[in-house]
C-alpha atoms as a PDB file:
ATOM      1  CA  MET A   1     -38.974 118.338 181.986  1.00  0.00           C
ATOM      2  CA  ILE A   2     -39.227 117.092 185.508  1.00  0.00           C
ATOM      3  CA  SER A   3     -42.155 119.835 186.937  1.00  0.00           C
ATOM      4  CA  ARG A   4     -45.742 118.879 187.836  1.00  0.00           C
ATOM      5  CA  PHE A   5     -48.796 121.208 189.623  1.00  0.00           C
ATOM      6  CA  SER A   6     -49.774 120.225 192.648  1.00  0.00           C
ATOM      7  CA  PHE A   7     -52.824 121.454 193.911  1.00  0.00           C
ATOM      8  CA  SER A   8     -55.598 120.243 196.968  1.00  0.00           C
ATOM      9  CA  PRO A   9     -59.098 120.148 197.590  1.00  0.00           C
ATOM     10  CA  ALA A  10     -60.428 123.306 199.738  1.00  0.00           C
ATOM     11  CA  SER A  11     -61.063 122.720 203.183  1.00  0.00           C
ATOM     12  CA  GLY A  12     -64.060 122.311 204.608  1.00  0.00           C
ATOM     13  CA  ARG A  13     -67.149 120.061 203.653  1.00  0.00           C
ATOM     14  CA  VAL A  14     -66.843 120.094 199.574  1.00  0.00           C
ATOM     15  CA  SER A  15     -68.647 118.458 196.764  1.00  0.00           C
ATOM     16  CA  PRO A  16     -66.810 115.926 194.686  1.00  0.00           C
ATOM     17  CA  LEU A  17     -66.866 117.131 191.177  1.00  0.00           C
ATOM     18  CA  THR A  18     -69.871 116.242 188.749  1.00  0.00           C
ATOM     19  CA  ALA A  19     -69.419 113.377 186.022  1.00  0.00           C
ATOM     20  CA  ALA A  20     -69.423 116.432 183.682  1.00  0.00           C
ATOM     21  CA  GLN A  21     -66.410 118.267 185.452  1.00  0.00           C
ATOM     22  CA  SER A  22     -64.553 115.209 185.355  1.00  0.00           C
ATOM     23  CA  SER A  23     -64.719 115.228 181.936  1.00  0.00           C
ATOM     24  CA  HIS A  24     -64.341 118.421 181.105  1.00  0.00           C
ATOM     25  CA  ALA A  25     -61.018 117.790 182.931  1.00  0.00           C
ATOM     26  CA  TYR A  26     -60.001 114.134 181.396  1.00  0.00           C
ATOM     27  CA  PHE A  27     -61.048 116.215 177.806  1.00  0.00           C
ATOM     28  CA  LEU A  28     -58.881 119.069 178.484  1.00  0.00           C
ATOM     29  CA  VAL A  29     -55.920 115.907 178.782  1.00  0.00           C
ATOM     30  CA  ALA A  30     -56.569 114.562 175.934  1.00  0.00           C
ATOM     31  CA  LEU A  31     -56.888 118.079 174.544  1.00  0.00           C
ATOM     32  CA  ALA A  32     -52.945 118.920 175.857  1.00  0.00           C
ATOM     33  CA  LEU A  33     -51.939 115.588 174.660  1.00  0.00           C
ATOM     34  CA  LEU A  34     -52.860 116.421 171.070  1.00  0.00           C
ATOM     35  CA  MET A  35     -51.551 119.823 170.778  1.00  0.00           C
ATOM     36  CA  THR A  36     -47.941 118.156 172.335  1.00  0.00           C
ATOM     37  CA  ALA A  37     -48.138 115.946 169.205  1.00  0.00           C
ATOM     38  CA  VAL A  38     -49.234 119.321 166.753  1.00  0.00           C
ATOM     39  CA  GLY A  39     -45.877 120.768 169.116  1.00  0.00           C
ATOM     40  CA  VAL A  40     -43.650 117.593 167.647  1.00  0.00           C
ATOM     41  CA  PHE A  41     -44.434 118.023 164.280  1.00  0.00           C
ATOM     42  CA  VAL A  42     -44.005 121.792 164.112  1.00  0.00           C
ATOM     43  CA  GLY A  43     -41.181 121.494 165.953  1.00  0.00           C
ATOM     44  CA  ALA A  44     -39.646 118.615 163.977  1.00  0.00           C
ATOM     45  CA  VAL A  45     -40.091 119.930 160.337  1.00  0.00           C
ATOM     46  CA  PHE A  46     -38.479 123.411 161.873  1.00  0.00           C
ATOM     47  CA  ALA A  47     -35.709 121.547 163.657  1.00  0.00           C
ATOM     48  CA  LEU A  48     -32.733 123.391 163.180  1.00  0.00           C
ATOM     49  CA  PRO A  49     -33.942 126.554 162.946  1.00  0.00           C
ATOM     50  CA  ILE A  50     -35.005 126.609 166.833  1.00  0.00           C
ATOM     51  CA  LEU A  51     -31.654 125.064 167.293  1.00  0.00           C
ATOM     52  CA  ALA A  52     -29.615 127.689 165.656  1.00  0.00           C
ATOM     53  CA  SER A  53     -31.962 130.626 167.023  1.00  0.00           C
ATOM     54  CA  GLY A  54     -31.537 129.871 170.492  1.00  0.00           C
ATOM     55  CA  TRP A  55     -35.021 129.659 170.509  1.00  0.00           C
ATOM     56  CA  ILE A  56     -35.402 126.545 172.511  1.00  0.00           C
ATOM     57  CA  PHE A  57     -34.289 128.436 175.635  1.00  0.00           C
ATOM     58  CA  LEU A  58     -36.937 130.928 175.379  1.00  0.00           C
ATOM     59  CA  LEU A  59     -39.279 128.123 175.527  1.00  0.00           C
ATOM     60  CA  PHE A  60     -38.399 126.531 178.100  1.00  0.00           C
ATOM     61  CA  ILE A  61     -38.721 129.468 180.299  1.00  0.00           C
ATOM     62  CA  ALA A  62     -41.915 130.033 178.727  1.00  0.00           C
ATOM     63  CA  GLU A  63     -43.350 126.564 179.951  1.00  0.00           C
ATOM     64  CA  PHE A  64     -42.100 126.944 183.470  1.00  0.00           C
ATOM     65  CA  ALA A  65     -43.782 130.504 183.494  1.00  0.00           C
ATOM     66  CA  LEU A  66     -46.763 128.986 182.511  1.00  0.00           C
ATOM     67  CA  ILE A  67     -46.574 126.659 185.065  1.00  0.00           C
ATOM     68  CA  LEU A  68     -45.804 128.628 187.817  1.00  0.00           C
ATOM     69  CA  SER A  69     -48.713 131.313 186.925  1.00  0.00           C
ATOM     70  CA  ALA A  70     -51.037 128.486 186.239  1.00  0.00           C
ATOM     71  CA  GLY A  71     -53.288 129.910 189.619  1.00  0.00           C
ATOM     72  CA  VAL A  72     -54.045 133.216 188.097  1.00  0.00           C
ATOM     73  CA  TRP A  73     -54.370 132.237 184.064  1.00  0.00           C
ATOM     74  CA  SER A  74     -56.471 129.251 184.697  1.00  0.00           C
ATOM     75  CA  ARG A  75     -59.321 130.687 186.161  1.00  0.00           C
ATOM     76  CA  HIS A  76     -60.336 133.402 183.615  1.00  0.00           C
ATOM     77  CA  ALA A  77     -61.219 131.987 180.462  1.00  0.00           C
ATOM     78  CA  PRO A  78     -60.528 132.656 177.607  1.00  0.00           C
ATOM     79  CA  LEU A  79     -57.057 132.979 178.662  1.00  0.00           C
ATOM     80  CA  ASN A  80     -57.297 129.371 180.491  1.00  0.00           C
ATOM     81  CA  TYR A  81     -58.127 127.837 177.170  1.00  0.00           C
ATOM     82  CA  ILE A  82     -55.377 129.720 175.619  1.00  0.00           C
ATOM     83  CA  LEU A  83     -52.672 129.345 177.584  1.00  0.00           C
ATOM     84  CA  PHE A  84     -53.448 125.612 178.670  1.00  0.00           C
ATOM     85  CA  LEU A  85     -52.962 124.835 175.229  1.00  0.00           C
ATOM     86  CA  ALA A  86     -50.415 126.705 174.474  1.00  0.00           C
ATOM     87  CA  PHE A  87     -48.278 124.540 177.312  1.00  0.00           C
ATOM     88  CA  PRO A  88     -48.418 121.625 175.635  1.00  0.00           C
ATOM     89  CA  PHE A  89     -47.614 122.658 172.428  1.00  0.00           C
ATOM     90  CA  ILE A  90     -44.907 124.187 173.478  1.00  0.00           C
ATOM     91  CA  SER A  91     -43.597 121.399 175.365  1.00  0.00           C
ATOM     92  CA  GLY A  92     -43.513 119.429 172.241  1.00  0.00           C
ATOM     93  CA  LEU A  93     -41.372 121.333 170.248  1.00  0.00           C
ATOM     94  CA  THR A  94     -39.261 121.189 173.177  1.00  0.00           C
ATOM     95  CA  ILE A  95     -38.650 117.753 173.107  1.00  0.00           C
ATOM     96  CA  THR A  96     -38.868 117.593 169.534  1.00  0.00           C
ATOM     97  CA  PRO A  97     -35.131 116.912 169.757  1.00  0.00           C
ATOM     98  CA  PHE A  98     -34.540 114.915 172.029  1.00  0.00           C
ATOM     99  CA  LEU A  99     -36.698 112.339 170.200  1.00  0.00           C
ATOM    100  CA  LEU A 100     -35.091 113.072 166.974  1.00  0.00           C
ATOM    101  CA  SER A 101     -31.123 113.005 168.108  1.00  0.00           C
ATOM    102  CA  ILE A 102     -33.341 109.183 169.361  1.00  0.00           C
ATOM    103  CA  LEU A 103     -34.350 108.629 166.023  1.00  0.00           C
ATOM    104  CA  ALA A 104     -30.790 109.266 164.357  1.00  0.00           C
ATOM    105  CA  GLY A 105     -28.561 107.996 166.904  1.00  0.00           C
ATOM    106  CA  TYR A 106     -30.732 104.945 167.439  1.00  0.00           C
ATOM    107  CA  VAL A 107     -31.195 101.386 164.673  1.00  0.00           C
ATOM    108  CA  ASN A 108     -33.864 100.712 166.466  1.00  0.00           C
ATOM    109  CA  GLY A 109     -35.119 104.241 167.366  1.00  0.00           C
ATOM    110  CA  ALA A 110     -38.530 104.222 166.021  1.00  0.00           C
ATOM    111  CA  SER A 111     -39.631 101.570 167.860  1.00  0.00           C
ATOM    112  CA  ILE A 112     -38.162 102.566 171.200  1.00  0.00           C
ATOM    113  CA  LEU A 113     -40.481 105.435 170.632  1.00  0.00           C
ATOM    114  CA  LEU A 114     -43.645 103.188 169.678  1.00  0.00           C
ATOM    115  CA  ASN A 115     -43.454 100.935 172.416  1.00  0.00           C
ATOM    116  CA  ALA A 116     -42.939 103.832 175.068  1.00  0.00           C
ATOM    117  CA  ALA A 117     -46.137 105.254 173.715  1.00  0.00           C
ATOM    118  CA  ILE A 118     -47.938 102.071 174.356  1.00  0.00           C
ATOM    119  CA  ALA A 119     -46.518 101.837 177.525  1.00  0.00           C
ATOM    120  CA  THR A 120     -47.272 104.588 179.096  1.00  0.00           C
ATOM    121  CA  THR A 121     -50.409 104.336 177.606  1.00  0.00           C
ATOM    122  CA  LEU A 122     -50.926 100.762 179.637  1.00  0.00           C
ATOM    123  CA  LEU A 123     -49.429 102.356 182.628  1.00  0.00           C
ATOM    124  CA  THR A 124     -51.614 105.402 182.845  1.00  0.00           C
ATOM    125  CA  ILE A 125     -54.797 102.772 182.682  1.00  0.00           C
ATOM    126  CA  ALA A 126     -53.524 100.918 184.890  1.00  0.00           C
ATOM    127  CA  ALA A 127     -52.990 104.065 187.233  1.00  0.00           C
ATOM    128  CA  GLY A 128     -56.278 104.546 186.373  1.00  0.00           C
ATOM    129  CA  VAL A 129     -57.631 101.424 187.970  1.00  0.00           C
ATOM    130  CA  PHE A 130     -55.656 101.731 191.185  1.00  0.00           C
ATOM    131  CA  ALA A 131     -56.962 105.221 191.884  1.00  0.00           C
ATOM    132  CA  ARG A 132     -60.530 104.046 191.451  1.00  0.00           C
ATOM    133  CA  THR A 133     -60.048 100.608 193.541  1.00  0.00           C
ATOM    134  CA  THR A 134     -58.036 100.612 196.047  1.00  0.00           C
ATOM    135  CA  SER A 135     -59.304 101.752 199.284  1.00  0.00           C
ATOM    136  CA  MET A 136     -56.568 104.172 200.326  1.00  0.00           C
ATOM    137  CA  ASN A 137     -56.109 107.678 200.254  1.00  0.00           C
ATOM    138  CA  LEU A 138     -52.967 108.146 198.180  1.00  0.00           C
ATOM    139  CA  SER A 139     -52.556 111.541 199.405  1.00  0.00           C
ATOM    140  CA  MET A 140     -51.955 111.120 202.684  1.00  0.00           C
ATOM    141  CA  THR A 141     -49.640 107.234 202.262  1.00  0.00           C
ATOM    142  CA  MET A 142     -47.462 108.777 200.176  1.00  0.00           C
ATOM    143  CA  GLY A 143     -47.586 112.237 198.917  1.00  0.00           C
ATOM    144  CA  ARG A 144     -44.902 113.439 200.799  1.00  0.00           C
ATOM    145  CA  PHE A 145     -43.067 109.954 199.937  1.00  0.00           C
ATOM    146  CA  LEU A 146     -42.954 111.270 196.265  1.00  0.00           C
ATOM    147  CA  PHE A 147     -42.476 114.733 196.554  1.00  0.00           C
ATOM    148  CA  GLN A 148     -39.200 113.711 198.257  1.00  0.00           C
ATOM    149  CA  SER A 149     -38.417 111.086 195.657  1.00  0.00           C
ATOM    150  CA  LEU A 150     -39.760 114.472 192.931  1.00  0.00           C
ATOM    151  CA  ILE A 151     -36.341 116.348 194.998  1.00  0.00           C
ATOM    152  CA  GLY A 152     -34.458 113.543 194.472  1.00  0.00           C
ATOM    153  CA  LEU A 153     -34.568 112.772 190.839  1.00  0.00           C
ATOM    154  CA  ILE A 154     -34.042 116.519 190.377  1.00  0.00           C
ATOM    155  CA  VAL A 155     -31.194 116.663 192.704  1.00  0.00           C
ATOM    156  CA  PHE A 156     -29.852 114.066 190.982  1.00  0.00           C
ATOM    157  CA  ALA A 157     -30.643 115.086 186.890  1.00  0.00           C
ATOM    158  CA  ILE A 158     -28.719 118.010 187.739  1.00  0.00           C
ATOM    159  CA  LEU A 159     -25.854 115.952 189.197  1.00  0.00           C
ATOM    160  CA  GLN A 160     -25.802 113.525 185.839  1.00  0.00           C
ATOM    161  CA  ILE A 161     -24.923 117.072 183.795  1.00  0.00           C
ATOM    162  CA  PHE A 162     -21.676 117.947 186.348  1.00  0.00           C
ATOM    163  CA  ILE A 163     -20.559 114.048 186.735  1.00  0.00           C
ATOM    164  CA  PRO A 164     -20.223 111.748 183.467  1.00  0.00           C
ATOM    165  CA  SER A 165     -19.807 108.521 185.896  1.00  0.00           C
ATOM    166  CA  LEU A 166     -23.465 108.586 186.515  1.00  0.00           C
ATOM    167  CA  ARG A 167     -24.715 109.193 183.481  1.00  0.00           C
ATOM    168  CA  GLY A 168     -23.769 105.234 182.786  1.00  0.00           C
ATOM    169  CA  SER A 169     -26.312 102.675 181.049  1.00  0.00           C
ATOM    170  CA  SER A 170     -26.483 101.155 185.073  1.00  0.00           C
ATOM    171  CA  PHE A 171     -27.024 104.257 186.687  1.00  0.00           C
ATOM    172  CA  GLU A 172     -29.858 104.730 183.628  1.00  0.00           C
ATOM    173  CA  VAL A 173     -31.429 101.764 183.988  1.00  0.00           C
ATOM    174  CA  VAL A 174     -31.904 102.333 187.872  1.00  0.00           C
ATOM    175  CA  ILE A 175     -32.543 105.870 187.728  1.00  0.00           C
ATOM    176  CA  SER A 176     -35.420 105.936 184.994  1.00  0.00           C
ATOM    177  CA  GLY A 177     -36.841 102.670 186.647  1.00  0.00           C
ATOM    178  CA  ILE A 178     -36.919 104.950 189.556  1.00  0.00           C
ATOM    179  CA  GLY A 179     -38.766 107.579 187.810  1.00  0.00           C
ATOM    180  CA  ILE A 180     -41.426 105.531 185.957  1.00  0.00           C
ATOM    181  CA  VAL A 181     -42.629 103.989 189.945  1.00  0.00           C
ATOM    182  CA  ILE A 182     -42.790 107.275 191.048  1.00  0.00           C
ATOM    183  CA  PHE A 183     -44.560 109.082 188.172  1.00  0.00           C
ATOM    184  CA  SER A 184     -46.847 106.399 188.031  1.00  0.00           C
ATOM    185  CA  LEU A 185     -47.832 106.722 191.421  1.00  0.00           C
ATOM    186  CA  PHE A 186     -48.293 110.593 191.064  1.00  0.00           C
ATOM    187  CA  LEU A 187     -50.748 109.737 188.607  1.00  0.00           C
ATOM    188  CA  ALA A 188     -52.631 107.400 190.142  1.00  0.00           C
ATOM    189  CA  LEU A 189     -52.676 110.020 193.143  1.00  0.00           C
ATOM    190  CA  ASP A 190     -53.839 113.068 190.936  1.00  0.00           C
ATOM    191  CA  MET A 191     -56.633 110.798 189.229  1.00  0.00           C
ATOM    192  CA  GLN A 192     -57.793 110.351 192.791  1.00  0.00           C
ATOM    193  CA  ARG A 193     -57.209 113.893 193.504  1.00  0.00           C
ATOM    194  CA  LEU A 194     -59.381 114.984 190.973  1.00  0.00           C
ATOM    195  CA  ALA A 195     -62.672 112.432 191.931  1.00  0.00           C
ATOM    196  CA  ALA A 196     -62.187 113.712 195.434  1.00  0.00           C
ATOM    197  CA  SER A 197     -61.805 117.863 194.691  1.00  0.00           C
ATOM    198  CA  GLY A 198     -64.825 120.153 194.795  1.00  0.00           C
ATOM    199  CA  LYS A 199     -66.650 121.845 192.971  1.00  0.00           C
ATOM    200  CA  GLY A 200     -64.916 124.550 192.928  1.00  0.00           C
ATOM    201  CA  SER A 201     -61.512 123.525 191.697  1.00  0.00           C
ATOM    202  CA  SER A 202     -60.608 124.289 188.117  1.00  0.00           C
ATOM    203  CA  PRO A 203     -60.492 121.459 185.540  1.00  0.00           C
ATOM    204  CA  PHE A 204     -57.819 123.314 183.961  1.00  0.00           C
ATOM    205  CA  LEU A 205     -55.354 122.851 187.200  1.00  0.00           C
ATOM    206  CA  LEU A 206     -56.173 119.729 187.603  1.00  0.00           C
ATOM    207  CA  ALA A 207     -55.745 118.969 183.741  1.00  0.00           C
ATOM    208  CA  LEU A 208     -52.393 120.490 183.617  1.00  0.00           C
ATOM    209  CA  SER A 209     -50.943 118.073 186.796  1.00  0.00           C
ATOM    210  CA  LEU A 210     -52.564 114.729 185.003  1.00  0.00           C
ATOM    211  CA  TYR A 211     -50.644 115.915 181.776  1.00  0.00           C
ATOM    212  CA  LEU A 212     -47.556 116.478 183.785  1.00  0.00           C
ATOM    213  CA  ASP A 213     -47.511 113.206 185.259  1.00  0.00           C
ATOM    214  CA  ILE A 214     -47.888 111.061 181.734  1.00  0.00           C
ATOM    215  CA  PHE A 215     -45.337 113.694 180.159  1.00  0.00           C
ATOM    216  CA  ASN A 216     -42.670 113.171 182.332  1.00  0.00           C
ATOM    217  CA  LEU A 217     -43.626 109.216 182.468  1.00  0.00           C
ATOM    218  CA  PHE A 218     -43.381 108.889 179.004  1.00  0.00           C
ATOM    219  CA  LEU A 219     -39.810 110.552 179.146  1.00  0.00           C
ATOM    220  CA  TYR A 220     -38.890 108.340 182.063  1.00  0.00           C
ATOM    221  CA  VAL A 221     -39.866 105.238 179.788  1.00  0.00           C
ATOM    222  CA  VAL A 222     -38.342 106.092 176.936  1.00  0.00           C
ATOM    223  CA  ARG A 223     -35.006 106.511 179.088  1.00  0.00           C
ATOM    224  CA  PHE A 224     -36.042 102.956 180.093  1.00  0.00           C
ATOM    225  CA  MET A 225     -35.830 100.723 176.769  1.00  0.00           C
ATOM    226  CA  LEU A 226     -32.822 102.823 175.871  1.00  0.00           C
ATOM    227  CA  ALA A 227     -30.941 102.305 178.232  1.00  0.00           C
ATOM    228  CA  MET A 228     -32.061  98.523 178.142  1.00  0.00           C
ATOM    229  CA  SER A 229     -32.572  97.849 174.843  1.00  0.00           C
ATOM    230  CA  GLY A 230     -31.231 100.737 173.094  1.00  0.00           C
ATOM    231  CA  ASN A 231     -29.116 100.292 170.297  1.00  0.00           C
ATOM    232  CA  ARG A 232     -26.259 102.858 168.583  1.00  0.00           C
ATOM    233  CA  ARG A 233     -25.461 103.210 165.192  1.00  0.00           C
END
């Protein structure tokens, strides 16, 4: 899934988020990752019925609908908690067929997924350290470039559907490597934005943006590892 939610601090003078508010946003991210794991577990149990019924396409639609409407539901309790947790659960369901195909199609599929999870964790930590220590305003210096790069990734993904020659391992290594860099920088940028956001900022939007960065980063790490060391059965 290549989709992310972006936000900007309100104009004018704003007070930075308190430690409790920042902790709330990160707590929501942790909950989202947990709900993704639950979604993957449920998806693994009911994978065949989901695929056979065609419900997976409705789940994809539901994901995008939740992202597009986040600005509305994020400010209404308890709806914000319900829909925020529903989103990663659905994401876990929709990613399950991809994960199962790796386990079934690659001899070292399990180790690739484990290593990808570890690598994503380390990249997330590195992004956090970079966001806290750099003197650059990442939004100003690279925000537009990253957004244009994201559009490029989406365009290339569409081209891969219609042009089989673009699905080769060489292309996959390059594009997945670029995706890792882009979403690592997006993650650092959003962490910096979280620290600079005003008290009126919604922790749900902040958390959703960070979650999407991590989710997409994991997908690109998996694709990179498959292209580099995947051993098909």
